[in-house]
Protein backbone atom coordinates (compact mmCIF):
# COMPACT_ATOMS: atom_id res chain seq x y z
CA UNK A 1 46.79 21.84 -34.38
CA UNK A 2 48.63 24.35 -36.56
CA UNK A 3 47.55 26.65 -39.31
CA UNK A 4 47.53 26.38 -43.06
CA UNK A 5 49.37 29.43 -44.40
CA UNK A 6 49.01 30.07 -48.14
CA UNK A 7 51.43 32.50 -49.76
CA UNK A 8 50.40 33.52 -53.29
CA UNK A 9 52.92 34.72 -55.85
CA UNK A 10 51.78 38.12 -57.16
CA UNK A 11 52.22 36.91 -60.76
CA UNK A 12 49.54 34.27 -60.30
CA UNK A 13 46.69 36.68 -60.97
CA UNK A 14 44.83 35.88 -57.75
CA UNK A 15 44.88 38.21 -54.78
CA UNK A 16 44.93 36.92 -51.21
CA UNK A 17 41.52 38.57 -50.74
CA UNK A 18 40.12 36.60 -53.68
CA UNK A 19 41.52 33.32 -52.41
CA UNK A 20 40.21 33.99 -48.88
CA UNK A 21 36.75 34.73 -50.31
CA UNK A 22 36.85 31.56 -52.46
CA UNK A 23 37.94 29.57 -49.38
CA UNK A 24 35.10 30.92 -47.24
CA UNK A 25 32.56 30.32 -50.04
CA UNK A 26 33.56 26.66 -50.45
CA UNK A 27 31.76 24.26 -48.10
CA UNK A 28 34.62 21.72 -47.95
CA UNK A 29 37.22 24.41 -47.24
CA UNK A 30 35.05 26.24 -44.71
CA UNK A 31 34.70 23.03 -42.66
CA UNK A 32 38.48 23.13 -42.09
CA UNK A 33 38.43 26.69 -40.74
CA UNK A 34 37.79 30.28 -41.80
CA UNK A 35 40.32 32.19 -43.88
CA UNK A 36 41.95 35.40 -42.67
CA UNK A 37 44.57 37.70 -44.17
CA UNK A 38 47.90 38.35 -42.51
CA UNK A 39 50.96 40.39 -43.43
CA UNK A 40 54.00 38.18 -44.03
CA UNK A 41 56.95 38.59 -41.70
CA UNK A 42 59.71 40.38 -43.57
CA UNK A 43 62.21 38.21 -45.46
CA UNK A 44 60.51 34.99 -44.39
CA UNK A 45 58.61 34.39 -47.64
CA UNK A 46 59.16 34.99 -51.31
CA UNK A 47 59.56 38.64 -52.25
CA UNK A 48 56.40 39.02 -54.37
CA UNK A 49 54.03 37.96 -51.58
CA UNK A 50 52.22 40.93 -50.05
CA UNK A 51 49.71 39.09 -47.84
CA UNK A 52 49.07 35.58 -46.60
CA UNK A 53 45.84 33.61 -46.38
CA UNK A 54 45.80 31.90 -42.99
CA UNK A 55 43.42 29.12 -41.98
CA UNK A 56 43.50 27.75 -38.43
CA UNK A 57 43.06 24.02 -39.08
CA UNK A 58 40.60 22.17 -36.88
CA UNK A 59 41.67 18.79 -38.33
CA UNK A 60 44.78 17.31 -39.89
CA UNK A 61 44.52 17.28 -43.68
CA UNK A 62 46.71 15.17 -45.95
CA UNK A 63 49.13 17.14 -48.13
CA UNK A 64 47.60 15.84 -51.38
CA UNK A 65 44.11 16.86 -50.26
CA UNK A 66 45.41 20.30 -49.29
CA UNK A 67 47.07 20.74 -52.71
CA UNK A 68 43.90 19.67 -54.53
CA UNK A 69 41.73 22.04 -52.50
CA UNK A 70 44.07 25.02 -53.00
CA UNK A 71 44.34 24.29 -56.76
CA UNK A 72 40.55 24.17 -57.06
CA UNK A 73 40.09 27.44 -55.17
CA UNK A 74 42.80 29.28 -57.11
CA UNK A 75 41.07 28.22 -60.35
CA UNK A 76 37.72 29.46 -58.95
CA UNK A 77 39.26 32.81 -58.00
CA UNK A 78 40.41 33.34 -61.63
CA UNK A 79 37.07 33.77 -63.44
CA UNK A 80 38.63 35.82 -66.24
CA UNK A 81 40.99 32.92 -66.97
CA UNK A 82 38.81 29.79 -67.12
CA UNK A 83 41.66 27.37 -67.87
CA UNK A 84 43.16 25.90 -64.72
CA UNK A 85 46.58 27.38 -64.03
CA UNK A 86 49.65 25.19 -64.10
CA UNK A 87 50.60 25.67 -60.48
CA UNK A 88 53.71 24.92 -58.54
CA UNK A 89 53.04 24.42 -54.85
CA UNK A 90 55.95 24.36 -52.43
CA UNK A 91 55.15 22.82 -49.06
CA UNK A 92 57.02 23.51 -45.82
CA UNK A 93 56.09 22.23 -42.37
CA UNK A 94 57.27 24.47 -39.54
CA UNK A 95 58.22 23.33 -36.04
CA UNK A 96 55.32 25.35 -34.59
CA UNK A 97 52.81 23.16 -36.49
CA UNK A 98 52.10 25.57 -39.34
CA UNK A 99 51.87 24.10 -42.84
CA UNK A 100 53.04 26.70 -45.37
CA UNK A 101 52.11 26.47 -49.05
CA UNK A 102 53.77 28.84 -51.51
CA UNK A 103 51.64 28.88 -54.66
CA UNK A 104 53.00 30.22 -57.92
CA UNK A 105 52.53 29.83 -61.65
CA UNK A 106 54.84 27.12 -62.98
CA UNK A 107 57.50 28.70 -65.14
CA UNK A 108 58.31 27.06 -68.46
CA UNK A 109 61.51 25.05 -68.48
CA UNK A 110 64.57 25.85 -70.62
């Protein structure tokens, strides 16, 4: 089984440390695996990502369930901004089994 790798856009207002803490504090998330921080490999992720939240998955989790869980935890990690953020989540499955989610604030359209 691969890992869930969450890359947070710096403009989101949630640090990787805050998301990892929210993940580990949530019973549903914790059952999937503990969160750890990891430096991103250079040029492999978006430029504003300074650290990754990595969860070794013990079970396979549907993409929609993963999105919902990450959205919930990002909202929890933003106590100063109680409204849920309008998130854009980009999902990439890697050949090595890793599921990568790039999470960023949705930018207004033209």
